Protein backbone atom coordinates (compact mmCIF):
# COMPACT_ATOMS: atom_id res chain seq x y z
CA MET A 1 -0.21 -0.10 0.07
CA PHE A 2 2.71 1.93 0.58
CA LEU A 3 4.44 2.08 -2.64
CA ASN A 4 1.36 2.37 -4.38
CA TYR A 5 1.18 5.90 -2.48
CA ALA A 6 4.46 6.68 -2.77
CA VAL A 7 3.82 5.98 -6.78
CA ARG A 8 0.10 7.75 -7.57
CA ARG A 9 1.80 11.13 -5.56
CA TYR A 10 4.93 10.87 -7.84
CA TYR A 11 3.01 10.36 -11.36
CA PHE A 12 0.34 12.93 -10.06
CA SER A 13 2.56 15.57 -9.25
CA LYS A 14 4.41 14.89 -13.21
CA TYR A 15 0.76 15.47 -13.88
CA LEU A 16 0.06 18.12 -12.40
CA HIS A 17 3.63 20.21 -13.75
CA SER A 18 2.66 19.22 -17.17
CA GLN A 19 -0.48 20.87 -16.74
CA LEU A 20 0.64 24.43 -15.20
CA SER A 21 3.38 24.61 -18.15
CA CYS A 22 0.17 24.44 -20.36
CA ILE A 23 -1.17 27.19 -18.57
CA VAL A 24 -2.17 30.24 -19.77
CA TRP A 25 -1.26 32.47 -17.28
CA ASP A 26 -2.91 35.75 -17.25
CA SER A 27 -6.26 33.97 -17.67
CA LEU A 28 -8.35 34.55 -14.50
CA PRO A 29 -9.84 30.62 -15.04
CA ALA A 30 -6.30 29.48 -15.37
CA LEU A 31 -5.52 30.36 -11.85
CA LEU A 32 -8.71 28.94 -10.60
CA VAL A 33 -7.43 25.90 -11.89
CA MET A 34 -4.02 26.14 -10.27
CA THR A 35 -5.71 26.76 -7.02
CA MET A 36 -7.67 23.87 -7.16
CA MET A 37 -4.45 21.35 -8.65
CA MET A 38 -2.66 23.13 -5.75
CA MET A 39 -5.00 22.04 -3.05
CA MET A 40 -5.06 18.96 -4.18
CA MET A 41 -1.35 18.23 -4.10
CA MET A 42 -1.47 19.60 -0.56
CA MET A 43 -4.15 17.24 0.52
CA MET A 44 -2.26 14.02 -1.20
CA GLY A 45 0.45 15.05 0.84
CA ALA A 46 2.96 17.99 -0.88
CA PRO A 47 6.49 18.78 0.86
CA LEU A 48 6.84 20.58 3.43
CA ALA A 49 8.24 24.15 3.46
CA ALA A 50 11.58 25.05 3.72
CA GLY A 51 12.95 24.61 7.20
CA SER A 52 13.97 22.22 9.68
CA GLN A 53 10.24 19.93 10.22
CA PRO A 54 10.14 17.09 12.53
CA THR A 55 9.90 13.55 10.53
CA ALA A 56 7.49 11.22 12.11
CA ASP A 57 11.00 10.10 14.19
CA GLY A 58 10.94 13.78 15.80
CA GLY A 59 14.50 13.83 13.62
CA ALA A 60 15.26 17.25 11.62
CA ALA A 61 13.93 16.61 8.07
CA CYS A 62 16.62 16.31 4.66
CA HIS A 63 16.69 19.27 2.88
CA LEU A 64 17.95 19.40 -0.28
CA ASP A 65 19.50 22.20 -2.32
CA ASP A 66 16.08 23.01 -4.05
CA GLY A 67 14.95 24.95 -0.58
CA PHE A 68 12.36 22.35 0.42
CA SER A 69 12.08 19.67 2.49
CA TYR A 70 11.21 16.09 2.37
CA SER A 71 9.87 13.74 4.28
CA GLY A 72 7.85 10.45 3.94
CA ALA A 73 8.47 8.25 0.72
CA ASN A 74 8.52 11.14 -1.79
CA VAL A 75 10.39 10.44 -4.66
CA PHE A 76 13.83 11.76 -5.56
CA GLY A 77 14.11 12.54 -9.01
CA ASP A 78 13.40 14.64 -12.10
CA ASN A 79 10.69 16.19 -10.37
CA LYS A 80 12.56 17.94 -8.73
CA ARG A 81 14.58 19.89 -10.43
CA ASN A 82 17.87 17.26 -10.04
CA THR A 83 18.30 15.10 -12.80
CA ASN A 84 16.53 14.57 -15.88
CA SER A 85 15.07 11.54 -17.91
CA THR A 86 18.23 11.72 -20.31
CA ALA A 87 20.70 11.38 -16.64
CA THR A 88 22.49 7.70 -16.76
CA ALA A 89 22.08 5.34 -14.37
CA GLY A 90 25.54 6.73 -12.78
CA ASP A 91 24.85 9.83 -12.41
CA CYS A 92 21.89 9.73 -10.45
CA CYS A 93 23.75 7.32 -8.36
CA ALA A 94 26.38 10.22 -8.07
CA LEU A 95 23.04 12.03 -7.50
CA CYS A 96 21.97 10.13 -4.21
CA GLN A 97 25.46 9.94 -3.08
CA HIS A 98 26.04 13.64 -2.89
CA TYR A 99 22.55 14.35 -0.80
CA ALA A 100 23.71 11.32 1.21
CA GLY A 101 26.74 13.30 2.29
CA ALA A 102 24.52 16.34 3.55
CA GLY A 103 22.92 13.89 6.19
CA CYS A 104 19.95 12.32 3.39
CA VAL A 105 19.88 8.73 3.62
CA PHE A 106 18.14 6.49 1.39
CA TYR A 107 16.67 2.66 0.65
CA GLN A 108 15.08 2.06 -2.07
CA PHE A 109 16.76 2.38 -5.89
CA GLY A 110 15.38 2.77 -9.16
CA GLU A 111 11.83 2.30 -10.43
CA PRO A 112 9.19 2.38 -7.46
CA ASP A 113 7.55 -0.50 -9.65
CA SER A 114 10.09 -2.52 -11.21
CA ASP A 115 10.78 -5.96 -10.42
CA ALA A 116 13.89 -5.85 -10.27
CA GLU A 117 14.84 -3.04 -7.10
CA SER A 118 17.58 -3.22 -5.51
CA ALA A 119 21.10 -0.94 -4.06
CA SER A 120 22.21 -0.87 -7.60
CA CYS A 121 20.83 2.89 -8.65
CA SER A 122 20.33 0.90 -11.76
CA GLY A 123 16.40 1.13 -13.79
CA ASP A 124 14.84 4.46 -15.06
CA PRO A 125 17.36 7.55 -13.48
CA SER A 126 14.48 9.68 -13.92
CA VAL A 127 13.03 7.93 -10.27
CA CYS A 128 16.59 7.48 -8.81
CA CYS A 129 15.66 6.97 -5.25
CA ARG A 130 13.71 7.22 -2.24
CA LEU A 131 14.31 9.57 1.06
CA LYS A 132 14.99 7.46 4.61
CA THR A 133 12.50 8.96 7.03
CA ALA A 134 11.22 7.06 10.22
CA GLU A 135 7.68 6.85 8.60
CA ALA A 136 9.11 6.03 5.09
CA TRP A 137 11.59 3.20 6.26
CA THR A 138 9.31 1.64 9.38
CA SER A 139 5.96 1.77 6.69
CA ARG A 140 7.74 0.24 3.52
CA THR A 141 6.71 -2.87 1.77
CA LEU A 142 9.78 -4.28 0.04
CA ARG A 143 9.48 -7.20 -3.04
CA SER A 144 11.21 -10.08 -3.37
CA GLY A 145 14.88 -9.84 -3.69
CA ALA A 146 14.43 -5.60 -2.88
CA GLN A 147 17.17 -4.46 -0.77
CA SER A 148 16.99 -1.87 2.06
CA GLY A 149 19.94 0.14 3.52
CA SER A 150 21.83 3.35 3.23
CA ILE A 151 24.49 4.09 0.66
CA LYS A 152 27.25 4.81 1.82
CA PRO A 153 28.33 8.66 1.52
CA LEU A 154 30.88 10.30 -1.04
CA PRO A 155 34.27 10.74 0.32
CA PRO A 156 35.45 14.62 1.07
CA PRO A 157 35.54 16.18 -1.78
CA PRO A 158 39.65 16.68 -3.00
CA PRO A 159 41.39 20.54 -1.43
CA PRO A 160 41.39 22.75 -4.49
CA PRO A 161 44.01 22.92 -6.38
CA PRO A 162 47.02 25.66 -5.38
CA PRO A 163 47.06 28.92 -8.03
CA ASP A 164 48.98 28.57 -10.93
CA LEU A 165 52.08 30.05 -10.18
CA ASN A 166 52.06 33.85 -10.15
CA GLY A 167 53.63 36.16 -12.27
CA SER A 168 53.71 34.39 -15.70
CA VAL A 169 54.84 36.68 -18.52
CA VAL A 170 53.26 35.61 -22.37
CA VAL A 171 56.74 35.20 -24.77
CA PHE A 172 54.93 34.11 -27.38
CA SER A 173 51.61 34.17 -28.50
CA ALA A 174 49.72 33.84 -31.83
CA GLY A 175 49.86 36.94 -33.98
CA LEU A 176 52.66 37.93 -32.63
CA GLY A 177 55.31 38.92 -35.47
CA GLY A 178 53.02 37.75 -38.46
CA VAL A 179 53.58 34.28 -37.04
CA PRO A 180 49.93 32.25 -37.47
CA ASN A 181 50.80 30.15 -33.41
CA TYR A 182 54.02 28.84 -32.56
CA ARG A 183 54.91 26.06 -30.10
CA ILE A 184 58.16 24.08 -28.84
CA PRO A 185 59.21 26.12 -26.27
CA ALA A 186 63.50 25.95 -25.62
CA ILE A 187 65.56 28.84 -23.52
CA VAL A 188 68.99 30.08 -22.13
CA GLN A 189 71.10 32.21 -20.19
CA THR A 190 73.83 34.16 -21.65
CA THR A 191 76.80 35.39 -19.24
CA GLY A 192 77.18 38.34 -20.73
CA SER A 193 76.89 42.25 -19.73
CA PRO A 194 74.15 42.48 -19.53
CA PRO A 195 73.16 39.34 -18.79
CA ALA A 196 70.37 37.62 -21.71
CA LEU A 197 67.65 35.38 -21.62
CA VAL A 198 67.44 34.05 -24.99
CA ALA A 199 64.04 31.87 -25.41
CA PHE A 200 63.24 30.15 -28.50
CA ALA A 201 60.32 28.56 -30.21
CA GLU A 202 58.84 27.28 -33.70
CA ALA A 203 57.47 29.49 -35.76
CA ARG A 204 53.94 27.41 -37.37
CA ASN A 205 51.01 27.57 -39.11
CA GLY A 206 48.86 25.18 -37.27
CA SER A 207 50.76 21.37 -36.49
CA ASP A 208 53.77 19.40 -36.19
CA PRO A 209 54.37 19.79 -39.80
CA THR A 210 54.05 23.41 -40.32
CA ALA A 211 56.96 24.63 -38.56
CA SER A 212 59.15 27.16 -40.73
CA ARG A 213 61.54 29.14 -38.91
CA ILE A 214 63.06 29.17 -35.03
CA ALA A 215 61.91 32.41 -33.90
CA VAL A 216 64.06 34.31 -30.36
CA ARG A 217 63.10 36.48 -28.37
CA THR A 218 65.52 37.94 -25.55
CA SER A 219 64.71 39.68 -21.96
CA THR A 220 67.88 41.84 -20.09
CA ASP A 221 65.59 42.73 -16.82
CA ALA A 222 65.19 38.60 -15.35
CA GLY A 223 62.04 38.05 -18.04
CA GLU A 224 60.14 40.64 -17.22
CA THR A 225 60.30 42.86 -20.56
CA TRP A 226 61.19 40.67 -24.05
CA SER A 227 62.41 42.00 -27.78
CA ALA A 228 61.17 42.40 -30.86
CA VAL A 229 60.61 39.29 -32.50
CA THR A 230 63.01 37.73 -35.01
CA PHE A 231 64.50 34.24 -36.48
CA ALA A 232 67.58 32.50 -36.30
CA ALA A 233 67.18 30.20 -38.38
CA GLY A 234 64.54 28.70 -41.49
CA SER A 235 62.33 30.05 -44.18
CA LEU A 236 58.81 30.56 -45.12
CA ASN A 237 57.59 28.73 -47.69
CA SER A 238 58.55 30.50 -51.25
CA THR A 239 59.41 29.63 -55.07
CA ALA A 240 63.04 30.66 -54.38
CA SER A 241 63.34 28.67 -51.29
CA ARG A 242 61.76 25.83 -52.53
CA ALA A 243 64.28 25.94 -55.59
CA ALA A 244 66.94 27.04 -53.28
CA CYS A 245 66.66 23.86 -50.21
CA ALA A 246 66.09 20.92 -52.59
CA LYS A 247 69.34 21.99 -54.62
CA ASP A 248 71.60 21.14 -51.14
CA ASN A 249 69.15 19.94 -48.56
CA PHE A 250 69.96 22.73 -46.12
CA THR A 251 70.20 26.39 -48.00
CA ASN A 252 66.48 28.12 -47.01
CA CYS A 253 65.17 24.61 -46.15
CA ARG A 254 62.10 25.04 -43.41
CA VAL A 255 63.83 24.20 -40.07
CA GLY A 256 62.57 23.25 -36.46
CA ASN A 257 62.98 20.87 -32.93
CA PRO A 258 65.33 24.15 -31.39
CA ALA A 259 67.76 22.73 -28.32
CA ALA A 260 70.12 24.99 -27.05
CA VAL A 261 72.90 25.43 -24.56
CA PHE A 262 75.05 28.38 -23.80
CA ASP A 263 79.17 28.06 -24.22
CA ALA A 264 81.57 31.03 -24.18
CA ALA A 265 84.29 29.09 -25.44
CA SER A 266 81.71 27.93 -29.09
CA GLY A 267 80.89 31.89 -29.42
CA GLY A 268 78.01 32.12 -27.29
CA VAL A 269 74.27 30.75 -27.36
CA VAL A 270 74.93 27.51 -29.75
CA LEU A 271 71.19 26.46 -31.28
CA ALA A 272 70.91 22.65 -32.86
CA TYR A 273 67.91 21.91 -35.00
CA ALA A 274 66.27 19.80 -37.38
CA VAL A 275 65.90 20.98 -40.87
CA ARG A 276 62.82 19.94 -43.36
CA GLY A 277 62.08 19.97 -46.75
CA PHE A 278 58.64 21.40 -48.03
CA GLY A 279 56.80 18.24 -48.65
CA ASP A 280 53.48 17.81 -46.56
CA GLY A 281 54.34 16.09 -43.06
CA GLU A 282 58.07 15.49 -43.98
CA ASP A 283 60.61 14.45 -41.33
CA ALA A 284 63.93 15.48 -41.03
CA ILE A 285 66.37 15.71 -43.75
CA GLY A 286 68.93 17.31 -41.77
CA ASN A 287 70.57 19.48 -39.39
CA GLY A 288 72.05 22.43 -38.96
CA ILE A 289 73.67 24.85 -35.93
CA SER A 290 73.51 28.62 -34.90
CA ILE A 291 75.54 30.61 -33.46
CA SER A 292 74.83 34.12 -31.47
CA ALA A 293 76.79 35.53 -28.92
CA ASP A 294 73.20 37.16 -27.35
CA GLY A 295 70.38 35.64 -29.07
CA THR A 296 70.56 39.51 -31.02
CA THR A 297 72.33 38.34 -34.38
CA TRP A 298 72.96 34.86 -35.72
CA GLY A 299 75.98 33.69 -37.80
CA LYS A 300 75.59 32.02 -40.82
CA PRO A 301 74.22 28.45 -40.35
CA MET A 302 76.18 25.34 -40.59
CA ASP A 303 75.46 22.21 -41.87
CA VAL A 304 76.20 19.31 -39.86
CA SER A 305 74.16 16.91 -41.58
CA VAL A 306 77.03 14.22 -41.70
CA GLY A 307 77.61 14.74 -37.97
CA PHE A 308 74.02 14.03 -36.68
CA THR A 309 74.25 11.12 -38.95
CA GLY A 310 73.89 8.06 -36.52
CA LYS A 311 75.26 4.45 -37.50
CA LEU A 312 71.42 3.99 -38.46
CA GLY A 313 71.14 6.46 -41.02
CA GLY A 314 69.27 9.72 -41.68
CA ALA A 315 68.77 12.94 -39.91
CA GLY A 316 68.00 13.03 -36.69
CA MET A 317 65.19 15.57 -34.70
CA PRO A 318 67.63 17.64 -31.94
CA GLY A 319 66.46 18.39 -28.21
CA PRO A 320 63.80 19.80 -27.96
CA GLY A 321 64.77 22.25 -25.16
CA THR A 322 68.56 21.94 -23.62
CA ALA A 323 71.67 20.74 -25.32
CA LEU A 324 74.61 20.46 -22.27
CA LEU A 325 77.68 21.59 -21.56
CA LEU A 326 79.99 19.53 -19.94
CA GLU A 327 81.49 21.39 -16.39
CA GLY A 328 83.69 19.29 -14.72
CA GLY A 329 85.08 15.58 -15.77
CA PRO A 330 87.73 14.60 -18.15
CA LYS A 331 85.42 16.02 -21.09
CA LYS A 332 85.16 19.17 -19.85
CA GLY A 333 83.43 21.46 -22.64
CA ARG A 334 81.93 18.91 -24.73
CA LEU A 335 78.85 20.07 -26.27
CA LEU A 336 75.90 17.13 -26.17
CA VAL A 337 73.04 17.39 -28.37
CA PRO A 338 70.25 14.56 -28.06
CA SER A 339 68.12 13.52 -30.63
CA TYR A 340 65.40 11.19 -31.72
CA HIS A 341 63.75 9.77 -34.65
CA PRO A 342 60.11 9.78 -33.61
CA TYR A 343 59.15 6.63 -31.51
CA ALA A 344 61.55 4.42 -33.55
CA TYR A 345 64.87 5.49 -31.20
CA SER A 346 67.01 8.42 -29.72
CA GLU A 347 71.07 8.52 -30.58
CA VAL A 348 73.38 11.99 -28.72
CA THR A 349 75.91 13.71 -30.82
CA VAL A 350 78.83 15.87 -29.59
CA SER A 351 81.37 18.12 -29.98
CA ASP A 352 84.51 18.50 -28.63
CA ASP A 353 86.33 21.52 -30.28
CA SER A 354 83.06 23.84 -29.22
CA GLY A 355 81.30 23.07 -31.62
CA ALA A 356 83.47 22.99 -34.90
CA THR A 357 82.60 19.51 -35.39
CA TRP A 358 80.49 17.26 -34.42
CA ARG A 359 79.87 13.11 -34.12
CA THR A 360 76.93 10.79 -32.87
CA THR A 361 77.89 7.81 -30.58
CA ASN A 362 77.23 4.56 -31.98
CA GLN A 363 75.13 3.95 -29.14
CA THR A 364 70.69 4.00 -29.42
CA PHE A 365 68.34 4.14 -27.07
CA GLY A 366 65.02 1.79 -28.74
CA GLY A 367 61.66 3.00 -28.85
CA MET A 368 62.60 7.04 -26.67
CA ALA A 369 62.40 10.24 -28.31
CA GLU A 370 62.59 13.77 -27.09
CA GLY A 371 65.76 13.16 -24.23
CA ALA A 372 66.97 15.49 -22.12
CA LEU A 373 70.53 15.38 -20.87
CA THR A 374 71.94 16.52 -18.04
CA GLN A 375 74.87 16.59 -15.71
CA LEU A 376 74.45 15.57 -12.12
CA PRO A 377 76.44 17.10 -9.15
CA ASN A 378 78.40 13.62 -8.82
CA GLY A 379 79.54 14.39 -12.27
CA SER A 380 78.20 11.48 -13.67
CA VAL A 381 75.78 12.34 -17.72
CA LEU A 382 71.83 11.52 -17.73
CA MET A 383 69.36 11.61 -20.30
CA SER A 384 65.74 11.63 -19.56
CA MET A 385 62.88 10.29 -22.26
CA ARG A 386 59.90 10.31 -23.69
CA ARG A 387 59.23 6.90 -24.37
CA SER A 388 57.12 5.43 -26.83
CA PRO A 389 53.07 4.51 -27.04
CA GLN A 390 53.99 0.67 -26.60
CA LEU A 391 55.97 1.31 -23.38
CA HIS A 392 53.03 3.76 -21.67
CA ALA A 393 52.80 1.86 -18.75
CA LEU A 394 56.60 1.91 -17.34
CA GLY A 395 56.63 5.70 -16.84
CA ARG A 396 59.55 8.25 -18.03
CA ALA A 397 62.97 6.44 -19.16
CA VAL A 398 66.38 7.06 -18.06
CA ALA A 399 69.76 6.29 -18.63
CA VAL A 400 73.17 6.99 -16.64
CA SER A 401 76.87 7.49 -18.79
CA ASN A 402 79.91 7.71 -16.07
CA ASP A 403 82.37 8.43 -19.31
CA GLY A 404 80.83 12.06 -20.10
CA GLY A 405 78.55 11.22 -22.73
CA ASN A 406 80.52 8.26 -24.39
CA THR A 407 78.47 5.08 -23.33
CA PHE A 408 74.95 4.79 -21.63
CA GLY A 409 73.96 2.58 -19.08
CA PRO A 410 71.08 0.55 -19.35
CA ILE A 411 67.73 2.23 -19.87
CA SER A 412 65.27 2.36 -16.51
CA PHE A 413 62.10 3.52 -16.10
CA GLY A 414 60.21 5.12 -13.81
CA GLY A 415 62.25 8.73 -13.10
CA PRO A 416 59.82 11.80 -11.31
CA LEU A 417 56.24 9.99 -11.08
CA GLY A 418 53.50 11.47 -13.46
CA ASP A 419 54.65 11.36 -16.84
CA PRO A 420 51.65 11.71 -19.82
CA MET A 421 53.62 10.34 -22.92
CA CYS A 422 55.89 13.84 -23.13
CA GLN A 423 59.12 16.27 -23.38
CA GLY A 424 60.30 17.07 -20.09
CA SER A 425 63.07 19.30 -19.19
CA ILE A 426 66.18 18.48 -16.73
CA VAL A 427 68.65 20.92 -15.23
CA SER A 428 71.24 21.15 -12.73
CA PHE A 429 73.16 23.61 -10.84
CA GLY A 430 73.80 24.41 -7.66
CA GLY A 431 74.37 20.84 -6.66
CA ALA A 432 70.55 20.08 -6.80
CA THR A 433 68.56 19.00 -10.37
CA TYR A 434 64.88 20.36 -11.29
CA PHE A 435 62.65 18.61 -13.81
CA SER A 436 59.55 19.93 -14.82
CA ASN A 437 56.70 18.09 -17.16
CA PRO A 438 52.98 17.64 -17.26
CA ALA A 439 52.26 16.27 -13.26
CA ALA A 440 49.69 13.53 -14.54
CA ILE A 441 49.04 10.45 -16.27
CA THR A 442 46.36 10.79 -19.06
CA SER A 443 46.81 14.37 -19.96
CA ARG A 444 49.27 17.41 -20.23
CA SER A 445 48.04 19.20 -17.03
CA HIS A 446 49.24 20.48 -13.71
CA LEU A 447 52.56 21.46 -15.53
CA THR A 448 55.29 20.56 -12.33
CA ILE A 449 58.54 21.63 -11.10
CA LYS A 450 60.70 19.07 -9.33
CA LYS A 451 63.71 18.50 -7.24
CA SER A 452 66.38 16.42 -5.99
CA THR A 453 69.56 16.56 -3.99
CA ASP A 454 70.57 13.53 -4.53
CA ASN A 455 71.49 12.88 -7.91
CA THR A 456 67.83 11.80 -9.02
CA ALA A 457 67.81 9.27 -6.51
CA THR A 458 64.92 10.82 -4.87
CA TRP A 459 62.62 13.40 -5.76
CA GLY A 460 61.68 15.56 -3.09
CA LYS A 461 59.98 18.99 -3.07
CA SER A 462 57.79 19.76 -6.12
CA LEU A 463 56.51 23.23 -7.29
CA MET A 464 52.91 23.22 -9.47
CA VAL A 465 53.01 26.03 -12.42
CA GLU A 466 49.68 25.57 -14.11
CA ALA A 467 46.96 23.57 -13.39
CA GLY A 468 45.54 23.04 -16.89
CA ASN A 469 45.41 21.31 -19.92
CA SER A 470 48.18 22.45 -22.38
CA GLU A 471 50.51 21.23 -25.25
CA GLY A 472 52.65 20.32 -21.91
CA TYR A 473 55.97 20.90 -23.59
CA SER A 474 58.68 23.26 -20.95
CA CYS A 475 62.21 24.24 -21.37
CA LEU A 476 63.79 24.90 -17.58
CA VAL A 477 66.12 27.83 -17.46
CA LYS A 478 70.16 26.17 -16.30
CA GLY A 479 71.13 28.38 -13.52
CA ALA A 480 69.91 30.86 -10.78
CA ILE A 481 68.00 33.71 -13.21
CA GLN A 482 71.02 36.73 -13.46
CA GLY A 483 70.40 40.50 -13.55
CA GLY A 484 68.15 41.35 -10.95
CA ALA A 485 68.28 44.09 -8.39
CA GLY A 486 72.06 45.31 -8.83
CA GLY A 487 73.11 42.65 -11.90
CA LYS A 488 73.27 40.09 -9.12
CA ALA A 489 72.23 35.85 -9.06
CA SER A 490 69.10 35.56 -7.37
CA THR A 491 67.06 32.88 -5.91
CA GLU A 492 64.76 32.34 -8.49
CA GLY A 493 64.71 29.77 -11.37
CA GLY A 494 62.80 30.00 -14.80
CA LEU A 495 60.65 28.33 -17.12
CA LEU A 496 59.56 28.68 -20.25
CA TYR A 497 56.52 26.61 -21.11
CA GLU A 498 53.53 25.98 -22.95
CA ALA A 499 50.41 27.11 -21.41
CA ASP A 500 46.55 26.29 -21.10
CA ASP A 501 45.22 29.24 -22.84
CA GLY A 502 47.98 28.04 -26.31
CA SER A 503 50.87 30.70 -25.49
CA ILE A 504 54.13 30.11 -24.48
CA LYS A 505 54.85 32.44 -21.50
CA PHE A 506 58.06 32.77 -19.07
CA VAL A 507 57.80 32.77 -14.91
CA ARG A 508 60.26 32.80 -12.38
CA PHE A 509 59.97 30.69 -9.60
CA PRO A 510 61.31 29.67 -5.80
CA LEU A 511 64.69 27.39 -6.36
CA SER A 512 63.59 26.49 -2.99
CA LEU A 513 60.29 25.33 -4.34
CA GLU A 514 58.50 26.95 -1.59
């Protein structure tokens, strides 16, 4: 009987709702009809008014968000403005759990007239569940196979993520310098007077295959302001450029994948990049090096394609991000550039004469891409790599060299936790190692900087830069930011990163990560 009463009441309320929606409100007969129907609803047991109304057992009624209190056997569903007939059973169940956490208790799920009533949140989600009150609980008639009891409330919500790191400055954005869009950041810091930050990005007209030039901007005030955009290498698509590029696979070709390092002995900023033709989707056909004392003017590009060709042949894609200058050990002064052949293998190219000549080592790293190199405080060289999609579950790949990059040990997996198969950046200075990447598993979100003080055996403190989803690439500045007050080194690091609004931004962060 109790259930029959609840069903009648529920379907009458739906009928009332449909009738009220059809009333012409400015007519007197309509008002009389509405008044009569409201009186009939009250006689059948309308919801109690908002407030702490007592239930049959003297307890407080369950308060819902729409301002009413419900007691008895009220159906909790779309006629109460909380779900609709298109909601899934899962949505309905979550809604019940939400109110259970607010003190509401339920005993029944699914359609009241279903033969398969259970606590599974199955059935028509427009009905969803019934409130458990003393009246409803003691008066209910359970059908065969029905279950009673309260559902588990939702766990407390997680704390909100910390706000994005303050003080970011847009360096590259769509339309700057007439470029439709930018991607793939790289950044270095010079030691000149004044010190300068030199930021790079691919100048594009859409997706990866459209990269044509390496854009450059510089800052001499610790990243507060930036120069006008210029281009270190590359060419726009034109008849003359296509002809010149086809002639020697280098001159006036398109370029991409910047990897940069500052080496005073080499003449300043050393920029390595992939050379590409003008074919649709064309991969690297060669490699180039451009050098600048301060990032403002650039020397003639050097064709280093032969030196960057490894034992398996073909040009690789440098970096992207930072290259490496060894500052200690038997190979002090060596330059190293990581390159990759997309998801086939990675390799390392070195120069022992300040960039005049280059050679690629004989070791390859199968299934790896987008490597980043750093010399750890203990003198060893670590290569951190993005792994292929087939190795997704294994985490980030790392390999270590104890002979200055001539040979590396076996690949191990793990490294900083959280790696959604994306590029990452790693630098070491001041006795610590810093790593940046999206600290998520399935999305390129929560861009985070991590710090290790024990040669990456463990990663301690971390600092989130931005919570939103982005393309995910980033590049750390090697060394504390120079050029602050009085031109002295600060206690801050720097990061150039792809932001969630599509731009490339620079931000300073405390080296303590606190």
